[in-house]
Amino acid sequence: MLKVAVVRFPGSNCDLDSLRAVERVGADGYFVWHRDAHLQGADVVVLPGGFSYGDYLRSGAIARFSPIMPAVQRHAADGGPVLGICNGFQILCEAHLLPGALLRNAGLTFVSQPVDVLVERTATAFTSAYTAGTRLRLPVAHGDGRFVASKDTLRLLEAEGRVVLRYVESTAGSSLQPNPNGSAHHIAGICNPAGTVVGIMPHPERVSDPLLGSCDGLGFFTSLAALQPKSTTSTVQGQ
């Protein structure tokens, strides 16, 4: 069975939601505390949303130094899938597993609302269940969600097709605000060149069950459930 480590930081508040979404698709999900040094043989790592300690300096800037992060970095370097959601996306950028940074929203206010996004890249560990061009309505809840990067980095992300999700105008008659944080190029999520490390600002775990009113986000978890577990003979030492 696929093993999925959900890393808990002080202030994480979407950890249980993420774990339930992982379990819903049949994977073996379990929590790993940020002060642990090992991922316990994880096939996939999820950094959930919420607030990590030190966010008052810059979101994710202190969490990147947590004892678990070297194991996450080794996992990613070995080709292991990593999904960062909201604060998890911020941590991935601060840890240099993804380029760019997430800064204060352009309106300088906390944004909590549904947003419409397009799935632009499906060749990733977490979006293979979708079709390119699929429109999803996912919730966001953040004060520091404005994705920024240098002009060269933005050009590279676009040229290599590494924009995973992009904010778009909502359907006719809706009052939803597109690009609610002012992100460059309307970027809502990106990935590394291999598509194994993905960071997104919207919360798919909050719309992954009919009881939640929508299953638009479930594809992120059915995608990871389709991944192959590591060989049972592989060592977990140093993970």
C-alpha atoms as a PDB file:
ATOM      1  CA  MET A   1       0.000   0.000   0.000  1.00  0.00           C
ATOM      2  CA  LEU A   2       1.219   3.501  -0.826  1.00  0.00           C
ATOM      3  CA  LYS A   3       2.577   5.272   2.272  1.00  0.00           C
ATOM      4  CA  VAL A   4       1.868   8.994   2.539  1.00  0.00           C
ATOM      5  CA  ALA A   5       3.484  11.134   5.239  1.00  0.00           C
ATOM      6  CA  VAL A   6       1.538  14.268   6.209  1.00  0.00           C
ATOM      7  CA  VAL A   7       3.980  16.581   7.979  1.00  0.00           C
ATOM      8  CA  ARG A   8       2.600  18.533  10.929  1.00  0.00           C
ATOM      9  CA  PHE A   9       4.068  21.900  11.873  1.00  0.00           C
ATOM     10  CA  PRO A  10       3.022  24.045  14.850  1.00  0.00           C
ATOM     11  CA  GLY A  11      -0.089  25.794  13.589  1.00  0.00           C
ATOM     12  CA  SER A  12      -0.975  23.304  10.847  1.00  0.00           C
ATOM     13  CA  ASN A  13      -4.756  23.275  10.587  1.00  0.00           C
ATOM     14  CA  CYS A  14      -5.396  21.345   7.384  1.00  0.00           C
ATOM     15  CA  ASP A  15      -3.377  18.304   8.416  1.00  0.00           C
ATOM     16  CA  LEU A  16      -6.360  16.167   9.382  1.00  0.00           C
ATOM     17  CA  ASP A  17      -8.250  17.205   6.229  1.00  0.00           C
ATOM     18  CA  SER A  18      -5.272  16.171   4.117  1.00  0.00           C
ATOM     19  CA  LEU A  19      -4.917  12.869   5.957  1.00  0.00           C
ATOM     20  CA  ARG A  20      -8.600  12.059   5.440  1.00  0.00           C
ATOM     21  CA  ALA A  21      -8.333  12.847   1.714  1.00  0.00           C
ATOM     22  CA  VAL A  22      -5.303  10.553   1.444  1.00  0.00           C
ATOM     23  CA  GLU A  23      -7.137   7.756   3.260  1.00  0.00           C
ATOM     24  CA  ARG A  24     -10.246   8.293   1.133  1.00  0.00           C
ATOM     25  CA  VAL A  25      -8.332   7.188  -1.985  1.00  0.00           C
ATOM     26  CA  GLY A  26      -7.005   4.061  -0.293  1.00  0.00           C
ATOM     27  CA  ALA A  27      -3.480   5.159   0.661  1.00  0.00           C
ATOM     28  CA  ASP A  28      -1.865   4.590   4.053  1.00  0.00           C
ATOM     29  CA  GLY A  29      -1.656   8.106   5.491  1.00  0.00           C
ATOM     30  CA  TYR A  30       0.081   8.967   8.743  1.00  0.00           C
ATOM     31  CA  PHE A  31       1.358  12.045  10.550  1.00  0.00           C
ATOM     32  CA  VAL A  32       5.018  12.999  10.933  1.00  0.00           C
ATOM     33  CA  TRP A  33       5.928  15.720  13.428  1.00  0.00           C
ATOM     34  CA  HIS A  34       8.153  18.522  12.100  1.00  0.00           C
ATOM     35  CA  ARG A  35      10.800  17.821  14.748  1.00  0.00           C
ATOM     36  CA  ASP A  36      11.195  14.212  13.615  1.00  0.00           C
ATOM     37  CA  ALA A  37      14.149  13.443  11.389  1.00  0.00           C
ATOM     38  CA  HIS A  38      12.679  10.576   9.360  1.00  0.00           C
ATOM     39  CA  LEU A  39       9.744  10.131   6.996  1.00  0.00           C
ATOM     40  CA  GLN A  40       9.196   6.519   8.092  1.00  0.00           C
ATOM     41  CA  GLY A  41       9.548   5.057   4.610  1.00  0.00           C
ATOM     42  CA  ALA A  42       7.090   7.417   2.923  1.00  0.00           C
ATOM     43  CA  ASP A  43       6.375   7.047  -0.786  1.00  0.00           C
ATOM     44  CA  VAL A  44       4.725  10.481  -0.909  1.00  0.00           C
ATOM     45  CA  VAL A  45       5.021  13.548   1.326  1.00  0.00           C
ATOM     46  CA  VAL A  46       2.295  16.150   1.890  1.00  0.00           C
ATOM     47  CA  LEU A  47       3.012  19.506   3.527  1.00  0.00           C
ATOM     48  CA  PRO A  48      -0.487  20.704   4.514  1.00  0.00           C
ATOM     49  CA  GLY A  49      -1.907  24.170   4.913  1.00  0.00           C
ATOM     50  CA  GLY A  50      -2.239  26.229   8.040  1.00  0.00           C
ATOM     51  CA  PHE A  51       0.344  28.372   9.783  1.00  0.00           C
ATOM     52  CA  SER A  52       3.890  27.317  10.631  1.00  0.00           C
ATOM     53  CA  TYR A  53       5.826  28.832  13.491  1.00  0.00           C
ATOM     54  CA  GLY A  54       7.838  31.886  12.446  1.00  0.00           C
ATOM     55  CA  ASP A  55       5.315  32.974   9.808  1.00  0.00           C
ATOM     56  CA  TYR A  56       5.411  36.456  11.352  1.00  0.00           C
ATOM     57  CA  LEU A  57       8.901  36.771   9.820  1.00  0.00           C
ATOM     58  CA  ARG A  58       7.966  35.370   6.416  1.00  0.00           C
ATOM     59  CA  SER A  59       5.679  32.441   5.724  1.00  0.00           C
ATOM     60  CA  GLY A  60       7.662  29.212   5.785  1.00  0.00           C
ATOM     61  CA  ALA A  61      10.992  30.947   6.434  1.00  0.00           C
ATOM     62  CA  ILE A  62      11.537  29.281   9.815  1.00  0.00           C
ATOM     63  CA  ALA A  63       9.697  26.025   9.071  1.00  0.00           C
ATOM     64  CA  ARG A  64      12.209  25.280   6.314  1.00  0.00           C
ATOM     65  CA  PHE A  65      14.789  24.740   9.087  1.00  0.00           C
ATOM     66  CA  SER A  66      12.678  22.128  10.901  1.00  0.00           C
ATOM     67  CA  PRO A  67      14.501  18.810  11.489  1.00  0.00           C
ATOM     68  CA  ILE A  68      12.152  16.994   9.077  1.00  0.00           C
ATOM     69  CA  MET A  69      13.045  19.201   6.106  1.00  0.00           C
ATOM     70  CA  PRO A  70      16.416  17.586   5.224  1.00  0.00           C
ATOM     71  CA  ALA A  71      14.523  14.291   4.907  1.00  0.00           C
ATOM     72  CA  VAL A  72      11.916  15.981   2.695  1.00  0.00           C
ATOM     73  CA  GLN A  73      14.697  17.474   0.555  1.00  0.00           C
ATOM     74  CA  ARG A  74      16.410  14.083   0.198  1.00  0.00           C
ATOM     75  CA  HIS A  75      13.084  12.477  -0.675  1.00  0.00           C
ATOM     76  CA  ALA A  76      12.509  15.095  -3.397  1.00  0.00           C
ATOM     77  CA  ALA A  77      16.093  14.817  -4.690  1.00  0.00           C
ATOM     78  CA  ASP A  78      15.568  11.062  -5.112  1.00  0.00           C
ATOM     79  CA  GLY A  79      12.481  11.715  -7.226  1.00  0.00           C
ATOM     80  CA  GLY A  80       9.961  11.239  -4.433  1.00  0.00           C
ATOM     81  CA  PRO A  81       6.629  13.060  -4.857  1.00  0.00           C
ATOM     82  CA  VAL A  82       5.971  16.048  -2.583  1.00  0.00           C
ATOM     83  CA  LEU A  83       2.771  18.128  -2.467  1.00  0.00           C
ATOM     84  CA  GLY A  84       2.746  21.472  -0.678  1.00  0.00           C
ATOM     85  CA  ILE A  85      -0.657  23.063  -0.057  1.00  0.00           C
ATOM     86  CA  CYS A  86      -0.890  26.752   0.907  1.00  0.00           C
ATOM     87  CA  ASN A  87       1.593  27.040   3.798  1.00  0.00           C
ATOM     88  CA  GLY A  88       3.193  23.882   2.403  1.00  0.00           C
ATOM     89  CA  PHE A  89       3.739  25.698  -0.914  1.00  0.00           C
ATOM     90  CA  GLN A  90       5.366  28.561   0.984  1.00  0.00           C
ATOM     91  CA  ILE A  91       7.683  26.120   2.773  1.00  0.00           C
ATOM     92  CA  LEU A  92       8.662  24.420  -0.510  1.00  0.00           C
ATOM     93  CA  CYS A  93       9.683  27.795  -1.956  1.00  0.00           C
ATOM     94  CA  GLU A  94      11.602  28.782   1.182  1.00  0.00           C
ATOM     95  CA  ALA A  95      13.382  25.405   1.105  1.00  0.00           C
ATOM     96  CA  HIS A  96      14.305  26.001  -2.570  1.00  0.00           C
ATOM     97  CA  LEU A  97      12.454  22.917  -3.722  1.00  0.00           C
ATOM     98  CA  LEU A  98      10.404  25.256  -5.910  1.00  0.00           C
ATOM     99  CA  PRO A  99      11.378  28.671  -7.319  1.00  0.00           C
ATOM    100  CA  GLY A 100       9.873  32.013  -6.402  1.00  0.00           C
ATOM    101  CA  ALA A 101       8.223  33.113  -3.164  1.00  0.00           C
ATOM    102  CA  LEU A 102       4.783  33.753  -1.679  1.00  0.00           C
ATOM    103  CA  LEU A 103       4.367  37.294  -0.362  1.00  0.00           C
ATOM    104  CA  ARG A 104       1.611  39.372   1.251  1.00  0.00           C
ATOM    105  CA  ASN A 105      -1.559  39.515  -0.833  1.00  0.00           C
ATOM    106  CA  ALA A 106      -1.757  42.546  -3.099  1.00  0.00           C
ATOM    107  CA  GLY A 107      -4.788  43.819  -1.186  1.00  0.00           C
ATOM    108  CA  LEU A 108      -2.963  43.396   2.155  1.00  0.00           C
ATOM    109  CA  THR A 109      -5.904  41.426   3.545  1.00  0.00           C
ATOM    110  CA  PHE A 110      -6.516  37.794   4.347  1.00  0.00           C
ATOM    111  CA  VAL A 111      -8.503  36.154   1.530  1.00  0.00           C
ATOM    112  CA  SER A 112     -10.923  33.293   2.187  1.00  0.00           C
ATOM    113  CA  GLN A 113     -13.164  32.390  -0.750  1.00  0.00           C
ATOM    114  CA  PRO A 114     -13.652  29.906  -3.570  1.00  0.00           C
ATOM    115  CA  VAL A 115     -11.611  30.585  -6.710  1.00  0.00           C
ATOM    116  CA  ASP A 116     -11.743  29.236 -10.241  1.00  0.00           C
ATOM    117  CA  VAL A 117      -8.531  27.724 -11.576  1.00  0.00           C
ATOM    118  CA  LEU A 118      -7.513  25.912 -14.737  1.00  0.00           C
ATOM    119  CA  VAL A 119      -5.456  22.753 -14.604  1.00  0.00           C
ATOM    120  CA  GLU A 120      -2.634  23.541 -17.039  1.00  0.00           C
ATOM    121  CA  ARG A 121      -0.220  20.668 -16.441  1.00  0.00           C
ATOM    122  CA  THR A 122      -1.384  17.113 -15.934  1.00  0.00           C
ATOM    123  CA  ALA A 123       2.049  15.469 -16.206  1.00  0.00           C
ATOM    124  CA  THR A 124       2.660  15.669 -12.461  1.00  0.00           C
ATOM    125  CA  ALA A 125       2.380  13.247  -9.578  1.00  0.00           C
ATOM    126  CA  PHE A 126      -0.718  15.082  -8.327  1.00  0.00           C
ATOM    127  CA  THR A 127      -2.709  16.172 -11.398  1.00  0.00           C
ATOM    128  CA  SER A 128      -2.594  13.120 -13.684  1.00  0.00           C
ATOM    129  CA  ALA A 129      -6.261  12.373 -12.933  1.00  0.00           C
ATOM    130  CA  TYR A 130      -7.324  15.636 -14.576  1.00  0.00           C
ATOM    131  CA  THR A 131      -7.519  16.665 -18.219  1.00  0.00           C
ATOM    132  CA  ALA A 132      -5.579  19.747 -19.276  1.00  0.00           C
ATOM    133  CA  GLY A 133      -7.913  22.726 -19.359  1.00  0.00           C
ATOM    134  CA  THR A 134     -10.210  21.377 -16.645  1.00  0.00           C
ATOM    135  CA  ARG A 135     -11.773  24.188 -14.619  1.00  0.00           C
ATOM    136  CA  LEU A 136     -11.924  23.608 -10.877  1.00  0.00           C
ATOM    137  CA  ARG A 137     -13.488  25.632  -8.088  1.00  0.00           C
ATOM    138  CA  LEU A 138     -11.265  25.349  -5.019  1.00  0.00           C
ATOM    139  CA  PRO A 139     -11.162  27.357  -1.786  1.00  0.00           C
ATOM    140  CA  VAL A 140      -8.265  29.599  -0.810  1.00  0.00           C
ATOM    141  CA  ALA A 141      -7.502  30.904   2.667  1.00  0.00           C
ATOM    142  CA  HIS A 142      -4.292  32.884   2.991  1.00  0.00           C
ATOM    143  CA  GLY A 143      -2.749  36.247   3.732  1.00  0.00           C
ATOM    144  CA  ASP A 144       0.525  35.546   1.933  1.00  0.00           C
ATOM    145  CA  GLY A 145      -0.452  33.935  -1.353  1.00  0.00           C
ATOM    146  CA  ARG A 146       0.961  36.321  -3.942  1.00  0.00           C
ATOM    147  CA  PHE A 147       3.389  34.309  -6.041  1.00  0.00           C
ATOM    148  CA  VAL A 148       6.370  36.338  -7.215  1.00  0.00           C
ATOM    149  CA  ALA A 149       9.521  35.437  -9.121  1.00  0.00           C
ATOM    150  CA  SER A 150      12.108  37.096 -11.310  1.00  0.00           C
ATOM    151  CA  LYS A 151      11.251  37.749 -14.950  1.00  0.00           C
ATOM    152  CA  ASP A 152      13.696  35.037 -16.008  1.00  0.00           C
ATOM    153  CA  THR A 153      12.123  32.519 -13.628  1.00  0.00           C
ATOM    154  CA  LEU A 154       8.618  33.360 -14.827  1.00  0.00           C
ATOM    155  CA  ARG A 155       9.719  32.941 -18.437  1.00  0.00           C
ATOM    156  CA  LEU A 156      11.264  29.566 -17.566  1.00  0.00           C
ATOM    157  CA  LEU A 157       8.147  28.358 -15.767  1.00  0.00           C
ATOM    158  CA  GLU A 158       5.997  29.284 -18.741  1.00  0.00           C
ATOM    159  CA  ALA A 159       8.416  27.896 -21.343  1.00  0.00           C
ATOM    160  CA  GLU A 160       8.764  24.567 -19.545  1.00  0.00           C
ATOM    161  CA  GLY A 161       5.028  24.247 -18.861  1.00  0.00           C
ATOM    162  CA  ARG A 162       5.527  24.202 -15.118  1.00  0.00           C
ATOM    163  CA  VAL A 163       2.446  26.233 -14.206  1.00  0.00           C
ATOM    164  CA  VAL A 164       0.138  23.598 -12.728  1.00  0.00           C
ATOM    165  CA  LEU A 165      -2.850  25.789 -11.773  1.00  0.00           C
ATOM    166  CA  ARG A 166      -3.766  29.279 -12.957  1.00  0.00           C
ATOM    167  CA  TYR A 167      -6.422  31.621 -11.588  1.00  0.00           C
ATOM    168  CA  VAL A 168      -9.114  32.443 -14.161  1.00  0.00           C
ATOM    169  CA  GLU A 169     -12.220  34.549 -14.360  1.00  0.00           C
ATOM    170  CA  SER A 170     -15.129  32.813 -12.693  1.00  0.00           C
ATOM    171  CA  THR A 171     -18.179  31.747 -14.666  1.00  0.00           C
ATOM    172  CA  ALA A 172     -20.716  34.324 -15.806  1.00  0.00           C
ATOM    173  CA  GLY A 173     -22.849  35.773 -13.066  1.00  0.00           C
ATOM    174  CA  SER A 174     -20.393  34.942 -10.290  1.00  0.00           C
ATOM    175  CA  SER A 175     -18.958  37.589  -7.989  1.00  0.00           C
ATOM    176  CA  LEU A 176     -15.825  35.583  -7.213  1.00  0.00           C
ATOM    177  CA  GLN A 177     -12.631  37.585  -7.504  1.00  0.00           C
ATOM    178  CA  PRO A 178     -10.110  36.169  -9.992  1.00  0.00           C
ATOM    179  CA  ASN A 179      -6.464  36.132  -8.870  1.00  0.00           C
ATOM    180  CA  PRO A 180      -7.410  37.193  -5.343  1.00  0.00           C
ATOM    181  CA  ASN A 181      -3.825  37.754  -4.214  1.00  0.00           C
ATOM    182  CA  GLY A 182      -2.235  39.448  -7.236  1.00  0.00           C
ATOM    183  CA  SER A 183       0.036  36.531  -8.185  1.00  0.00           C
ATOM    184  CA  ALA A 184       2.332  37.050 -11.162  1.00  0.00           C
ATOM    185  CA  HIS A 185       0.912  35.571 -14.357  1.00  0.00           C
ATOM    186  CA  HIS A 186      -2.172  34.527 -12.312  1.00  0.00           C
ATOM    187  CA  ILE A 187      -0.175  31.552 -11.034  1.00  0.00           C
ATOM    188  CA  ALA A 188      -1.940  29.403  -8.422  1.00  0.00           C
ATOM    189  CA  GLY A 189       0.465  26.445  -8.487  1.00  0.00           C
ATOM    190  CA  ILE A 190       3.759  25.318  -9.990  1.00  0.00           C
ATOM    191  CA  CYS A 191       5.958  22.235 -10.122  1.00  0.00           C
ATOM    192  CA  ASN A 192       9.593  21.241 -10.534  1.00  0.00           C
ATOM    193  CA  PRO A 193      10.773  20.157 -14.021  1.00  0.00           C
ATOM    194  CA  ALA A 194       9.989  16.487 -13.335  1.00  0.00           C
ATOM    195  CA  GLY A 195       6.506  17.207 -12.004  1.00  0.00           C
ATOM    196  CA  THR A 196       7.253  15.348  -8.769  1.00  0.00           C
ATOM    197  CA  VAL A 197       7.262  18.400  -6.483  1.00  0.00           C
ATOM    198  CA  VAL A 198       4.067  20.461  -6.687  1.00  0.00           C
ATOM    199  CA  GLY A 199       3.053  23.552  -4.732  1.00  0.00           C
ATOM    200  CA  ILE A 200      -0.449  25.040  -4.884  1.00  0.00           C
ATOM    201  CA  MET A 201      -2.218  27.791  -2.943  1.00  0.00           C
ATOM    202  CA  PRO A 202      -5.836  26.493  -3.185  1.00  0.00           C
ATOM    203  CA  HIS A 203      -6.986  23.711  -0.840  1.00  0.00           C
ATOM    204  CA  PRO A 204      -8.078  20.567  -2.728  1.00  0.00           C
ATOM    205  CA  GLU A 205      -8.481  18.622   0.531  1.00  0.00           C
ATOM    206  CA  ARG A 206     -11.404  20.898   1.464  1.00  0.00           C
ATOM    207  CA  VAL A 207     -13.391  19.827  -1.607  1.00  0.00           C
ATOM    208  CA  SER A 208     -12.576  16.137  -1.858  1.00  0.00           C
ATOM    209  CA  ASP A 209     -15.749  14.524  -0.529  1.00  0.00           C
ATOM    210  CA  PRO A 210     -19.447  14.866  -1.457  1.00  0.00           C
ATOM    211  CA  LEU A 211     -20.147  15.709   2.182  1.00  0.00           C
ATOM    212  CA  LEU A 212     -18.043  18.837   1.669  1.00  0.00           C
ATOM    213  CA  GLY A 213     -20.245  19.949  -1.215  1.00  0.00           C
ATOM    214  CA  SER A 214     -17.761  19.271  -4.017  1.00  0.00           C
ATOM    215  CA  CYS A 215     -15.204  16.735  -5.194  1.00  0.00           C
ATOM    216  CA  ASP A 216     -13.294  19.131  -7.457  1.00  0.00           C
ATOM    217  CA  GLY A 217     -10.116  18.609  -5.425  1.00  0.00           C
ATOM    218  CA  LEU A 218     -10.261  14.827  -5.193  1.00  0.00           C
ATOM    219  CA  GLY A 219      -8.202  14.377  -8.371  1.00  0.00           C
ATOM    220  CA  PHE A 220      -5.059  15.546  -6.572  1.00  0.00           C
ATOM    221  CA  PHE A 221      -5.415  12.568  -4.252  1.00  0.00           C
ATOM    222  CA  THR A 222      -6.553   9.975  -6.800  1.00  0.00           C
ATOM    223  CA  SER A 223      -3.495  11.033  -8.809  1.00  0.00           C
ATOM    224  CA  LEU A 224      -1.135  10.311  -5.923  1.00  0.00           C
ATOM    225  CA  ALA A 225      -2.944   7.043  -5.181  1.00  0.00           C
ATOM    226  CA  ALA A 226      -2.064   5.869  -8.691  1.00  0.00           C
ATOM    227  CA  LEU A 227       1.671   6.153  -7.945  1.00  0.00           C
ATOM    228  CA  GLN A 228       3.759   3.051  -7.374  1.00  0.00           C
ATOM    229  CA  PRO A 229       5.070   2.339  -3.866  1.00  0.00           C
ATOM    230  CA  LYS A 230       8.798   2.026  -3.345  1.00  0.00           C
ATOM    231  CA  SER A 231      10.325  -1.420  -3.512  1.00  0.00           C
ATOM    232  CA  THR A 232       9.781  -3.299  -0.272  1.00  0.00           C
ATOM    233  CA  THR A 233      13.499  -3.969  -0.237  1.00  0.00           C
ATOM    234  CA  SER A 234      14.439  -0.288  -0.158  1.00  0.00           C
ATOM    235  CA  THR A 235      15.949   1.090   3.011  1.00  0.00           C
ATOM    236  CA  VAL A 236      14.235   3.719   5.091  1.00  0.00           C
ATOM    237  CA  GLN A 237      17.426   4.757   6.842  1.00  0.00           C
ATOM    238  CA  GLY A 238      17.991   8.501   6.518  1.00  0.00           C
ATOM    239  CA  GLN A 239      14.464   9.242   5.325  1.00  0.00           C
END
